Amino acid sequence: MELLPAVFSSGWASGVNAYLVVLGLGLYGRVFGADGVPEALMRTDVLIAAGVMYAIEFVTDKIPYVDSLWDTVSTIIRPTIGAIIGLLLAGDASSVEQATMATVGGGSALASHLVKAGIRLAVNGSPEPVSNASVSLGEDITVAGVVTLVVYHPWWALGVSATLLVLGIVIVVLLLRWVRQGWRRRREGTTTRRRSGKAEVDRRSA
């Protein structure tokens, strides 16, 4: 497993769904014997804990506003898990390289986490009905795909995760702008209706 692309990509995936990353890497290593997966991720207690937490996140991440609360709680957790995975992947490397990989993993996890949280805030704040479940399922599928690439094609994983990070930033900016415009139109419509109602009352009073 190529170290740098694996660390960056697993970090990106951890920022979206850290428990699925731990569970996925652990299962690939334990069940399929994938090379490069740290022994710590294949432990039974780690797999059980990751599975339970993923099940909890699977539900909470699909409920409007609850998902944003969960993201707030996960602001420290996801980057920390990304950093730990980076450190574990570094293995017996020098202390400088281990610190570098932990920083790369934690940094990419923090970046993707902020993008994910921003998109969810935009979805929850949208005046239009948007399905949180669909967005969440899309994230889960994407994370599972990136984890698979990390194990078997780490450089492809790097390309995919870096592209998704850039696209995510663009989407957050566009969604927030769209939400602001939607709320502005709603406020303007409410103000217009109030003025029309007041004018009608004044006309009848006269």
N, C-alpha and C. Protein backbone atom coordinates (compact mmCIF):
# COMPACT_ATOMS: atom_id res chain seq x y z
N MET A 1 0.85 -1.19 0.00
CA MET A 1 0.00 0.00 0.00
C MET A 1 0.89 1.25 0.00
N GLU A 2 0.70 2.12 -1.00
CA GLU A 2 1.47 3.36 -1.07
C GLU A 2 1.07 4.25 0.10
N LEU A 3 2.06 4.72 0.84
CA LEU A 3 1.77 5.37 2.12
C LEU A 3 1.03 6.69 1.99
N LEU A 4 1.62 7.66 1.29
CA LEU A 4 1.03 9.00 1.25
C LEU A 4 -0.38 9.02 0.66
N PRO A 5 -0.61 8.43 -0.52
CA PRO A 5 -1.98 8.43 -1.05
C PRO A 5 -2.96 7.68 -0.16
N ALA A 6 -2.49 6.61 0.48
CA ALA A 6 -3.38 5.86 1.38
C ALA A 6 -3.76 6.69 2.58
N VAL A 7 -2.80 7.41 3.13
CA VAL A 7 -3.07 8.23 4.32
C VAL A 7 -3.99 9.39 3.98
N PHE A 8 -3.70 10.09 2.89
CA PHE A 8 -4.55 11.23 2.51
C PHE A 8 -5.98 10.76 2.22
N SER A 9 -6.11 9.68 1.46
CA SER A 9 -7.43 9.21 1.06
C SER A 9 -8.23 8.66 2.22
N SER A 10 -7.56 7.88 3.09
CA SER A 10 -8.27 7.37 4.27
C SER A 10 -8.64 8.51 5.20
N GLY A 11 -7.80 9.55 5.24
CA GLY A 11 -8.13 10.74 6.03
C GLY A 11 -9.35 11.44 5.48
N TRP A 12 -9.38 11.61 4.15
CA TRP A 12 -10.56 12.25 3.53
C TRP A 12 -11.82 11.45 3.87
N ALA A 13 -11.73 10.13 3.70
CA ALA A 13 -12.90 9.28 3.98
C ALA A 13 -13.30 9.34 5.46
N SER A 14 -12.30 9.45 6.34
CA SER A 14 -12.59 9.54 7.78
C SER A 14 -13.34 10.81 8.11
N GLY A 15 -13.07 11.88 7.40
CA GLY A 15 -13.78 13.13 7.64
C GLY A 15 -15.25 13.06 7.28
N VAL A 16 -15.60 12.10 6.43
CA VAL A 16 -17.00 11.91 6.03
C VAL A 16 -17.68 10.87 6.92
N ASN A 17 -17.00 9.75 7.13
CA ASN A 17 -17.56 8.68 7.98
C ASN A 17 -16.41 7.85 8.53
N ALA A 18 -15.88 8.27 9.65
CA ALA A 18 -14.67 7.66 10.21
C ALA A 18 -14.90 6.21 10.61
N TYR A 19 -16.06 5.90 11.17
CA TYR A 19 -16.31 4.54 11.65
C TYR A 19 -16.38 3.55 10.49
N LEU A 20 -16.93 3.99 9.38
CA LEU A 20 -16.99 3.12 8.20
C LEU A 20 -15.58 2.86 7.66
N VAL A 21 -14.71 3.84 7.76
CA VAL A 21 -13.32 3.66 7.30
C VAL A 21 -12.62 2.61 8.16
N VAL A 22 -12.74 2.74 9.47
CA VAL A 22 -12.11 1.77 10.38
C VAL A 22 -12.67 0.38 10.14
N LEU A 23 -13.99 0.29 10.01
CA LEU A 23 -14.63 -0.99 9.79
C LEU A 23 -14.21 -1.59 8.45
N GLY A 24 -14.21 -0.75 7.42
CA GLY A 24 -13.86 -1.24 6.08
C GLY A 24 -12.42 -1.72 5.98
N LEU A 25 -11.49 -0.89 6.46
CA LEU A 25 -10.08 -1.29 6.42
C LEU A 25 -9.84 -2.56 7.24
N GLY A 26 -10.45 -2.60 8.43
CA GLY A 26 -10.27 -3.77 9.29
C GLY A 26 -10.78 -5.04 8.65
N LEU A 27 -11.95 -4.97 8.01
CA LEU A 27 -12.52 -6.15 7.36
C LEU A 27 -11.71 -6.57 6.14
N TYR A 28 -11.23 -5.59 5.37
CA TYR A 28 -10.40 -5.93 4.21
C TYR A 28 -9.13 -6.66 4.66
N GLY A 29 -8.56 -6.20 5.77
CA GLY A 29 -7.36 -6.85 6.26
C GLY A 29 -7.62 -8.21 6.87
N ARG A 30 -8.67 -8.32 7.65
CA ARG A 30 -8.94 -9.56 8.39
C ARG A 30 -9.61 -10.62 7.53
N VAL A 31 -10.58 -10.22 6.72
CA VAL A 31 -11.33 -11.20 5.93
C VAL A 31 -10.65 -11.51 4.60
N PHE A 32 -10.16 -10.48 3.94
CA PHE A 32 -9.59 -10.67 2.60
C PHE A 32 -8.06 -10.68 2.60
N GLY A 33 -7.45 -10.47 3.76
CA GLY A 33 -6.00 -10.53 3.84
C GLY A 33 -5.30 -9.44 3.05
N ALA A 34 -5.89 -8.27 2.95
CA ALA A 34 -5.31 -7.17 2.20
C ALA A 34 -3.99 -6.73 2.83
N ASP A 35 -3.02 -6.45 2.00
CA ASP A 35 -1.71 -6.03 2.49
C ASP A 35 -1.75 -4.58 2.98
N GLY A 36 -0.93 -4.30 3.98
CA GLY A 36 -0.76 -2.93 4.44
C GLY A 36 -1.76 -2.45 5.47
N VAL A 37 -2.78 -3.25 5.76
CA VAL A 37 -3.76 -2.84 6.77
C VAL A 37 -3.17 -3.08 8.16
N PRO A 38 -3.13 -2.05 9.00
CA PRO A 38 -2.54 -2.22 10.34
C PRO A 38 -3.27 -3.28 11.16
N GLU A 39 -2.49 -4.04 11.93
CA GLU A 39 -3.06 -5.09 12.77
C GLU A 39 -4.08 -4.54 13.76
N ALA A 40 -3.85 -3.33 14.25
CA ALA A 40 -4.75 -2.75 15.25
C ALA A 40 -6.16 -2.61 14.72
N LEU A 41 -6.31 -2.36 13.42
CA LEU A 41 -7.64 -2.19 12.84
C LEU A 41 -8.36 -3.51 12.63
N MET A 42 -7.62 -4.62 12.71
CA MET A 42 -8.23 -5.93 12.48
C MET A 42 -8.63 -6.62 13.77
N ARG A 43 -8.39 -5.99 14.91
CA ARG A 43 -8.75 -6.59 16.19
C ARG A 43 -10.27 -6.72 16.31
N THR A 44 -10.71 -7.76 16.97
CA THR A 44 -12.15 -8.01 17.11
C THR A 44 -12.85 -6.88 17.84
N ASP A 45 -12.26 -6.41 18.95
CA ASP A 45 -12.91 -5.34 19.71
C ASP A 45 -13.01 -4.05 18.90
N VAL A 46 -12.00 -3.77 18.08
CA VAL A 46 -12.03 -2.57 17.24
C VAL A 46 -13.12 -2.69 16.19
N LEU A 47 -13.23 -3.86 15.57
CA LEU A 47 -14.24 -4.07 14.54
C LEU A 47 -15.65 -3.98 15.12
N ILE A 48 -15.85 -4.55 16.31
CA ILE A 48 -17.17 -4.49 16.94
C ILE A 48 -17.52 -3.05 17.30
N ALA A 49 -16.58 -2.33 17.90
CA ALA A 49 -16.84 -0.94 18.27
C ALA A 49 -17.12 -0.09 17.04
N ALA A 50 -16.34 -0.29 15.98
CA ALA A 50 -16.55 0.48 14.75
C ALA A 50 -17.90 0.14 14.13
N GLY A 51 -18.27 -1.14 14.17
CA GLY A 51 -19.56 -1.55 13.62
C GLY A 51 -20.73 -0.94 14.37
N VAL A 52 -20.66 -0.93 15.69
CA VAL A 52 -21.73 -0.35 16.51
C VAL A 52 -21.84 1.15 16.25
N MET A 53 -20.70 1.84 16.25
CA MET A 53 -20.72 3.29 16.02
C MET A 53 -21.18 3.63 14.61
N TYR A 54 -20.81 2.81 13.65
CA TYR A 54 -21.28 3.06 12.28
C TYR A 54 -22.78 2.88 12.19
N ALA A 55 -23.32 1.88 12.89
CA ALA A 55 -24.77 1.66 12.89
C ALA A 55 -25.49 2.87 13.48
N ILE A 56 -24.94 3.42 14.55
CA ILE A 56 -25.54 4.61 15.16
C ILE A 56 -25.48 5.79 14.20
N GLU A 57 -24.31 5.98 13.59
CA GLU A 57 -24.16 7.10 12.66
C GLU A 57 -25.02 6.92 11.42
N PHE A 58 -25.21 5.67 11.00
CA PHE A 58 -26.03 5.39 9.82
C PHE A 58 -27.43 5.95 9.99
N VAL A 59 -27.95 5.86 11.22
CA VAL A 59 -29.31 6.35 11.51
C VAL A 59 -29.31 7.87 11.73
N THR A 60 -28.46 8.34 12.64
CA THR A 60 -28.48 9.76 13.00
C THR A 60 -28.10 10.66 11.83
N ASP A 61 -27.26 10.15 10.94
CA ASP A 61 -26.78 10.96 9.83
C ASP A 61 -27.85 11.20 8.77
N LYS A 62 -28.99 10.54 8.90
CA LYS A 62 -30.04 10.66 7.90
C LYS A 62 -31.25 11.42 8.42
N ILE A 63 -31.14 12.00 9.62
CA ILE A 63 -32.25 12.76 10.21
C ILE A 63 -31.91 14.24 10.15
N PRO A 64 -32.77 15.06 9.51
CA PRO A 64 -32.48 16.50 9.40
C PRO A 64 -32.20 17.14 10.75
N TYR A 65 -31.20 18.00 10.78
CA TYR A 65 -30.75 18.75 11.96
C TYR A 65 -30.05 17.86 12.99
N VAL A 66 -30.52 16.64 13.17
CA VAL A 66 -29.79 15.72 14.04
C VAL A 66 -28.42 15.43 13.42
N ASP A 67 -28.38 15.34 12.08
CA ASP A 67 -27.12 15.08 11.40
C ASP A 67 -26.12 16.22 11.64
N SER A 68 -26.61 17.47 11.65
CA SER A 68 -25.72 18.60 11.90
C SER A 68 -25.21 18.60 13.34
N LEU A 69 -26.07 18.20 14.27
CA LEU A 69 -25.64 18.07 15.67
C LEU A 69 -24.57 16.98 15.79
N TRP A 70 -24.78 15.88 15.10
CA TRP A 70 -23.81 14.79 15.10
C TRP A 70 -22.48 15.25 14.49
N ASP A 71 -22.57 16.06 13.42
CA ASP A 71 -21.35 16.60 12.81
C ASP A 71 -20.59 17.47 13.79
N THR A 72 -21.32 18.26 14.57
CA THR A 72 -20.67 19.12 15.56
C THR A 72 -19.91 18.29 16.58
N VAL A 73 -20.55 17.23 17.06
CA VAL A 73 -19.90 16.35 18.03
C VAL A 73 -18.68 15.67 17.40
N SER A 74 -18.76 15.38 16.11
CA SER A 74 -17.70 14.64 15.42
C SER A 74 -16.55 15.52 14.95
N THR A 75 -16.62 16.82 15.22
CA THR A 75 -15.58 17.73 14.73
C THR A 75 -14.20 17.35 15.24
N ILE A 76 -14.12 16.84 16.44
CA ILE A 76 -12.84 16.39 17.00
C ILE A 76 -12.59 14.92 16.68
N ILE A 77 -13.65 14.12 16.68
CA ILE A 77 -13.51 12.68 16.54
C ILE A 77 -12.99 12.29 15.16
N ARG A 78 -13.59 12.80 14.10
CA ARG A 78 -13.20 12.39 12.75
C ARG A 78 -11.76 12.73 12.41
N PRO A 79 -11.30 13.98 12.63
CA PRO A 79 -9.89 14.27 12.37
C PRO A 79 -8.94 13.45 13.23
N THR A 80 -9.36 13.17 14.48
CA THR A 80 -8.51 12.36 15.35
C THR A 80 -8.36 10.95 14.81
N ILE A 81 -9.46 10.37 14.36
CA ILE A 81 -9.39 9.02 13.78
C ILE A 81 -8.57 9.04 12.50
N GLY A 82 -8.72 10.09 11.69
CA GLY A 82 -7.91 10.21 10.48
C GLY A 82 -6.43 10.27 10.80
N ALA A 83 -6.08 11.01 11.85
CA ALA A 83 -4.68 11.10 12.27
C ALA A 83 -4.16 9.77 12.79
N ILE A 84 -4.98 9.07 13.57
CA ILE A 84 -4.57 7.77 14.12
C ILE A 84 -4.35 6.75 13.00
N ILE A 85 -5.27 6.74 12.02
CA ILE A 85 -5.09 5.82 10.89
C ILE A 85 -3.81 6.14 10.13
N GLY A 86 -3.55 7.44 9.93
CA GLY A 86 -2.30 7.83 9.27
C GLY A 86 -1.08 7.35 10.04
N LEU A 87 -1.13 7.48 11.34
CA LEU A 87 -0.02 7.03 12.18
C LEU A 87 0.15 5.51 12.12
N LEU A 88 -0.98 4.79 12.14
CA LEU A 88 -0.91 3.33 12.06
C LEU A 88 -0.39 2.87 10.70
N LEU A 89 -0.80 3.54 9.64
CA LEU A 89 -0.33 3.18 8.31
C LEU A 89 1.17 3.43 8.17
N ALA A 90 1.66 4.46 8.87
CA ALA A 90 3.09 4.77 8.81
C ALA A 90 3.91 3.65 9.43
N GLY A 91 3.32 2.93 10.39
CA GLY A 91 3.98 1.77 10.96
C GLY A 91 5.30 2.09 11.63
N ASP A 92 6.37 1.41 11.18
CA ASP A 92 7.69 1.54 11.80
C ASP A 92 8.54 2.64 11.16
N ALA A 93 7.90 3.58 10.49
CA ALA A 93 8.65 4.67 9.86
C ALA A 93 9.28 5.54 10.94
N SER A 94 10.14 6.45 10.53
CA SER A 94 10.77 7.36 11.48
C SER A 94 9.73 8.22 12.17
N SER A 95 10.12 8.77 13.32
CA SER A 95 9.17 9.58 14.08
C SER A 95 8.72 10.79 13.28
N VAL A 96 9.61 11.35 12.46
CA VAL A 96 9.24 12.50 11.64
C VAL A 96 8.20 12.10 10.61
N GLU A 97 8.41 10.96 9.97
CA GLU A 97 7.45 10.50 8.96
C GLU A 97 6.12 10.12 9.61
N GLN A 98 6.18 9.53 10.78
CA GLN A 98 4.94 9.21 11.49
C GLN A 98 4.16 10.47 11.81
N ALA A 99 4.85 11.50 12.28
CA ALA A 99 4.19 12.77 12.59
C ALA A 99 3.60 13.39 11.33
N THR A 100 4.35 13.28 10.22
CA THR A 100 3.87 13.83 8.95
C THR A 100 2.60 13.12 8.49
N MET A 101 2.61 11.79 8.56
CA MET A 101 1.45 11.03 8.11
C MET A 101 0.23 11.29 9.01
N ALA A 102 0.48 11.44 10.32
CA ALA A 102 -0.62 11.75 11.24
C ALA A 102 -1.21 13.12 10.90
N THR A 103 -0.34 14.07 10.55
CA THR A 103 -0.81 15.41 10.20
C THR A 103 -1.59 15.39 8.89
N VAL A 104 -1.08 14.64 7.91
CA VAL A 104 -1.77 14.53 6.62
C VAL A 104 -3.14 13.88 6.80
N GLY A 105 -3.18 12.78 7.55
CA GLY A 105 -4.45 12.09 7.77
C GLY A 105 -5.45 12.94 8.53
N GLY A 106 -4.98 13.59 9.60
CA GLY A 106 -5.88 14.44 10.38
C GLY A 106 -6.30 15.68 9.62
N GLY A 107 -5.37 16.25 8.85
CA GLY A 107 -5.70 17.46 8.08
C GLY A 107 -6.70 17.21 6.98
N SER A 108 -6.52 16.13 6.23
CA SER A 108 -7.49 15.82 5.16
C SER A 108 -8.84 15.43 5.74
N ALA A 109 -8.82 14.77 6.91
CA ALA A 109 -10.09 14.43 7.57
C ALA A 109 -10.82 15.68 8.03
N LEU A 110 -10.08 16.64 8.59
CA LEU A 110 -10.71 17.88 9.03
C LEU A 110 -11.30 18.65 7.85
N ALA A 111 -10.56 18.69 6.74
CA ALA A 111 -11.04 19.41 5.56
C ALA A 111 -12.33 18.79 5.02
N SER A 112 -12.35 17.47 4.87
CA SER A 112 -13.55 16.82 4.33
C SER A 112 -14.70 16.88 5.33
N HIS A 113 -14.38 16.84 6.63
CA HIS A 113 -15.43 16.97 7.64
C HIS A 113 -16.11 18.34 7.55
N LEU A 114 -15.32 19.39 7.40
CA LEU A 114 -15.90 20.74 7.29
C LEU A 114 -16.75 20.87 6.04
N VAL A 115 -16.30 20.24 4.95
CA VAL A 115 -17.10 20.26 3.72
C VAL A 115 -18.41 19.52 3.93
N LYS A 116 -18.33 18.33 4.53
CA LYS A 116 -19.55 17.55 4.80
C LYS A 116 -20.51 18.34 5.68
N ALA A 117 -20.00 18.93 6.77
CA ALA A 117 -20.85 19.69 7.68
C ALA A 117 -21.47 20.89 6.98
N GLY A 118 -20.69 21.55 6.12
CA GLY A 118 -21.22 22.70 5.38
C GLY A 118 -22.34 22.30 4.43
N ILE A 119 -22.16 21.18 3.75
CA ILE A 119 -23.20 20.70 2.83
C ILE A 119 -24.47 20.35 3.61
N ARG A 120 -24.31 19.70 4.76
CA ARG A 120 -25.48 19.34 5.55
C ARG A 120 -26.21 20.57 6.09
N LEU A 121 -25.46 21.58 6.50
CA LEU A 121 -26.09 22.82 6.96
C LEU A 121 -26.89 23.46 5.83
N ALA A 122 -26.32 23.43 4.63
CA ALA A 122 -27.03 24.00 3.49
C ALA A 122 -28.28 23.20 3.17
N VAL A 123 -28.19 21.88 3.23
CA VAL A 123 -29.34 21.02 2.96
C VAL A 123 -30.43 21.25 4.00
N ASN A 124 -30.04 21.30 5.28
CA ASN A 124 -31.02 21.51 6.34
C ASN A 124 -31.62 22.90 6.30
N GLY A 125 -30.84 23.89 5.86
CA GLY A 125 -31.34 25.26 5.82
C GLY A 125 -32.05 25.62 4.54
N SER A 126 -32.13 24.67 3.62
CA SER A 126 -32.77 24.96 2.34
C SER A 126 -34.27 25.09 2.50
N PRO A 127 -34.87 26.09 1.84
CA PRO A 127 -36.33 26.23 1.89
C PRO A 127 -37.04 25.18 1.05
N GLU A 128 -36.28 24.43 0.25
CA GLU A 128 -36.86 23.38 -0.56
C GLU A 128 -36.68 22.04 0.16
N PRO A 129 -37.60 21.08 -0.05
CA PRO A 129 -37.45 19.76 0.59
C PRO A 129 -36.32 18.97 -0.07
N VAL A 130 -35.33 18.61 0.70
CA VAL A 130 -34.21 17.83 0.20
C VAL A 130 -34.04 16.61 1.09
N SER A 131 -33.80 15.48 0.51
CA SER A 131 -33.71 14.25 1.28
C SER A 131 -32.33 14.09 1.88
N ASN A 132 -32.24 14.18 3.21
CA ASN A 132 -30.98 13.93 3.92
C ASN A 132 -30.54 12.47 3.76
N ALA A 133 -31.51 11.58 3.71
CA ALA A 133 -31.18 10.16 3.59
C ALA A 133 -30.43 9.88 2.29
N SER A 134 -30.85 10.52 1.20
CA SER A 134 -30.19 10.30 -0.08
C SER A 134 -28.76 10.82 -0.05
N VAL A 135 -28.57 12.00 0.53
CA VAL A 135 -27.23 12.56 0.64
C VAL A 135 -26.34 11.66 1.49
N SER A 136 -26.87 11.20 2.62
CA SER A 136 -26.10 10.35 3.52
C SER A 136 -25.73 9.02 2.87
N LEU A 137 -26.68 8.40 2.17
CA LEU A 137 -26.39 7.14 1.49
C LEU A 137 -25.32 7.33 0.43
N GLY A 138 -25.41 8.45 -0.27
CA GLY A 138 -24.38 8.75 -1.28
C GLY A 138 -23.01 8.87 -0.65
N GLU A 139 -22.95 9.50 0.53
CA GLU A 139 -21.67 9.62 1.24
C GLU A 139 -21.14 8.25 1.66
N ASP A 140 -22.03 7.39 2.18
CA ASP A 140 -21.60 6.06 2.62
C ASP A 140 -21.04 5.25 1.46
N ILE A 141 -21.73 5.30 0.33
CA ILE A 141 -21.28 4.55 -0.85
C ILE A 141 -19.93 5.08 -1.34
N THR A 142 -19.79 6.40 -1.34
CA THR A 142 -18.54 7.00 -1.79
C THR A 142 -17.38 6.62 -0.87
N VAL A 143 -17.62 6.69 0.44
CA VAL A 143 -16.58 6.32 1.41
C VAL A 143 -16.18 4.86 1.23
N ALA A 144 -17.16 3.98 1.06
CA ALA A 144 -16.85 2.56 0.86
C ALA A 144 -16.01 2.36 -0.40
N GLY A 145 -16.33 3.10 -1.45
CA GLY A 145 -15.56 3.01 -2.68
C GLY A 145 -14.13 3.50 -2.51
N VAL A 146 -13.97 4.62 -1.81
CA VAL A 146 -12.63 5.17 -1.59
C VAL A 146 -11.80 4.23 -0.72
N VAL A 147 -12.41 3.63 0.31
CA VAL A 147 -11.69 2.68 1.16
C VAL A 147 -11.21 1.49 0.34
N THR A 148 -12.05 1.01 -0.57
CA THR A 148 -11.65 -0.10 -1.45
C THR A 148 -10.46 0.30 -2.32
N LEU A 149 -10.49 1.51 -2.85
CA LEU A 149 -9.37 1.99 -3.66
C LEU A 149 -8.11 2.17 -2.82
N VAL A 150 -8.27 2.61 -1.58
CA VAL A 150 -7.11 2.76 -0.69
C VAL A 150 -6.39 1.43 -0.54
N VAL A 151 -7.15 0.36 -0.42
CA VAL A 151 -6.56 -0.96 -0.19
C VAL A 151 -5.90 -1.50 -1.46
N TYR A 152 -6.56 -1.33 -2.61
CA TYR A 152 -6.08 -1.98 -3.83
C TYR A 152 -5.44 -1.04 -4.85
N HIS A 153 -5.88 0.21 -4.88
CA HIS A 153 -5.34 1.17 -5.84
C HIS A 153 -5.20 2.54 -5.16
N PRO A 154 -4.22 2.69 -4.26
CA PRO A 154 -4.12 3.92 -3.46
C PRO A 154 -3.94 5.20 -4.27
N TRP A 155 -3.25 5.13 -5.39
CA TRP A 155 -3.08 6.35 -6.19
C TRP A 155 -4.40 6.77 -6.83
N TRP A 156 -5.20 5.81 -7.24
CA TRP A 156 -6.54 6.14 -7.72
C TRP A 156 -7.37 6.76 -6.60
N ALA A 157 -7.22 6.20 -5.41
CA ALA A 157 -7.93 6.74 -4.25
C ALA A 157 -7.54 8.19 -4.01
N LEU A 158 -6.26 8.49 -4.16
CA LEU A 158 -5.79 9.87 -3.97
C LEU A 158 -6.45 10.80 -4.98
N GLY A 159 -6.48 10.38 -6.25
CA GLY A 159 -7.10 11.21 -7.28
C GLY A 159 -8.57 11.45 -7.02
N VAL A 160 -9.28 10.39 -6.62
CA VAL A 160 -10.72 10.50 -6.37
C VAL A 160 -10.99 11.38 -5.16
N SER A 161 -10.28 11.14 -4.07
CA SER A 161 -10.54 11.90 -2.84
C SER A 161 -10.15 13.36 -2.99
N ALA A 162 -9.04 13.65 -3.66
CA ALA A 162 -8.64 15.04 -3.88
C ALA A 162 -9.66 15.77 -4.75
N THR A 163 -10.13 15.08 -5.79
CA THR A 163 -11.15 15.68 -6.66
C THR A 163 -12.44 15.94 -5.90
N LEU A 164 -12.86 14.96 -5.09
CA LEU A 164 -14.09 15.12 -4.32
C LEU A 164 -13.97 16.23 -3.29
N LEU A 165 -12.77 16.41 -2.73
CA LEU A 165 -12.57 17.49 -1.77
C LEU A 165 -12.75 18.85 -2.43
N VAL A 166 -12.15 19.02 -3.61
CA VAL A 166 -12.28 20.28 -4.33
C VAL A 166 -13.73 20.51 -4.75
N LEU A 167 -14.36 19.47 -5.30
CA LEU A 167 -15.76 19.60 -5.71
C LEU A 167 -16.65 19.90 -4.51
N GLY A 168 -16.34 19.29 -3.37
CA GLY A 168 -17.12 19.54 -2.16
C GLY A 168 -17.05 20.99 -1.73
N ILE A 169 -15.87 21.58 -1.80
CA ILE A 169 -15.72 22.99 -1.43
C ILE A 169 -16.55 23.87 -2.36
N VAL A 170 -16.50 23.56 -3.66
CA VAL A 170 -17.29 24.32 -4.63
C VAL A 170 -18.78 24.17 -4.35
N ILE A 171 -19.21 22.94 -4.06
CA ILE A 171 -20.63 22.69 -3.79
C ILE A 171 -21.09 23.43 -2.54
N VAL A 172 -20.26 23.45 -1.49
CA VAL A 172 -20.62 24.17 -0.27
C VAL A 172 -20.85 25.65 -0.57
N VAL A 173 -19.94 26.25 -1.33
CA VAL A 173 -20.07 27.67 -1.67
C VAL A 173 -21.35 27.92 -2.46
N LEU A 174 -21.62 27.08 -3.46
CA LEU A 174 -22.81 27.26 -4.29
C LEU A 174 -24.09 27.02 -3.50
N LEU A 175 -24.10 25.98 -2.64
CA LEU A 175 -25.30 25.68 -1.86
C LEU A 175 -25.61 26.79 -0.86
N LEU A 176 -24.60 27.29 -0.18
CA LEU A 176 -24.82 28.36 0.78
C LEU A 176 -25.34 29.62 0.08
N ARG A 177 -24.81 29.89 -1.11
CA ARG A 177 -25.30 31.04 -1.87
C ARG A 177 -26.76 30.82 -2.27
N TRP A 178 -27.09 29.59 -2.70
CA TRP A 178 -28.46 29.28 -3.11
C TRP A 178 -29.42 29.38 -1.93
N VAL A 179 -28.98 28.88 -0.77
CA VAL A 179 -29.83 28.96 0.43
C VAL A 179 -30.09 30.41 0.82
N ARG A 180 -29.04 31.23 0.78
CA ARG A 180 -29.22 32.65 1.12
C ARG A 180 -30.20 33.31 0.16
N GLN A 181 -30.10 32.99 -1.11
CA GLN A 181 -31.03 33.57 -2.08
C GLN A 181 -32.46 33.09 -1.83
N GLY A 182 -32.61 31.80 -1.46
CA GLY A 182 -33.94 31.28 -1.18
C GLY A 182 -34.58 31.95 0.02
N TRP A 183 -33.81 32.14 1.09
CA TRP A 183 -34.35 32.81 2.28
C TRP A 183 -34.63 34.28 2.00
N ARG A 184 -33.80 34.90 1.15
CA ARG A 184 -34.04 36.30 0.80
C ARG A 184 -35.35 36.44 0.04
N ARG A 185 -35.59 35.52 -0.92
CA ARG A 185 -36.85 35.57 -1.66
C ARG A 185 -38.04 35.32 -0.75
N ARG A 186 -37.86 34.41 0.21
CA ARG A 186 -38.96 34.13 1.15
C ARG A 186 -39.27 35.35 2.00
N ARG A 187 -38.23 36.03 2.49
CA ARG A 187 -38.45 37.23 3.30
C ARG A 187 -39.10 38.34 2.48
N GLU A 188 -38.63 38.49 1.24
CA GLU A 188 -39.22 39.51 0.37
C GLU A 188 -40.68 39.20 0.09
N GLY A 189 -41.01 37.91 -0.11
CA GLY A 189 -42.40 37.53 -0.35
C GLY A 189 -43.27 37.80 0.86
N THR A 190 -42.73 37.50 2.05
CA THR A 190 -43.48 37.75 3.29
C THR A 190 -43.71 39.24 3.48
N THR A 191 -42.69 40.04 3.21
CA THR A 191 -42.82 41.50 3.35
C THR A 191 -43.85 42.04 2.37
N THR A 192 -43.84 41.53 1.13
CA THR A 192 -44.80 41.98 0.13
C THR A 192 -46.22 41.65 0.53
N ARG A 193 -46.43 40.44 1.07
CA ARG A 193 -47.77 40.04 1.49
C ARG A 193 -48.25 40.89 2.66
N ARG A 194 -47.35 41.22 3.59
CA ARG A 194 -47.73 42.06 4.72
C ARG A 194 -48.13 43.45 4.25
N ARG A 195 -47.37 43.99 3.32
CA ARG A 195 -47.69 45.32 2.80
C ARG A 195 -49.01 45.31 2.06
N SER A 196 -49.25 44.24 1.28
CA SER A 196 -50.52 44.14 0.55
C SER A 196 -51.69 44.03 1.52
N GLY A 197 -51.50 43.24 2.58
CA GLY A 197 -52.56 43.10 3.57
C GLY A 197 -52.84 44.40 4.28
N LYS A 198 -51.80 45.15 4.62
CA LYS A 198 -51.97 46.42 5.30
C LYS A 198 -52.69 47.42 4.40
N ALA A 199 -52.30 47.41 3.10
CA ALA A 199 -52.95 48.33 2.16
C ALA A 199 -54.42 48.00 2.01
N GLU A 200 -54.75 46.71 2.01
CA GLU A 200 -56.14 46.29 1.89
C GLU A 200 -56.95 46.75 3.12
N VAL A 201 -56.36 46.60 4.30
CA VAL A 201 -57.02 47.03 5.53
C VAL A 201 -57.26 48.53 5.51
N ASP A 202 -56.24 49.30 5.09
CA ASP A 202 -56.38 50.77 5.01
C ASP A 202 -57.45 51.17 4.03
N ARG A 203 -57.54 50.46 2.91
CA ARG A 203 -58.53 50.80 1.91
C ARG A 203 -59.95 50.57 2.44
N ARG A 204 -60.11 49.43 3.16
CA ARG A 204 -61.45 49.14 3.70
C ARG A 204 -61.81 50.11 4.81
N SER A 205 -60.79 50.54 5.59
CA SER A 205 -61.07 51.50 6.66
C SER A 205 -61.51 52.82 6.10
N ALA A 206 -60.91 53.19 4.97
CA ALA A 206 -61.26 54.45 4.35
C ALA A 206 -62.68 54.37 3.77
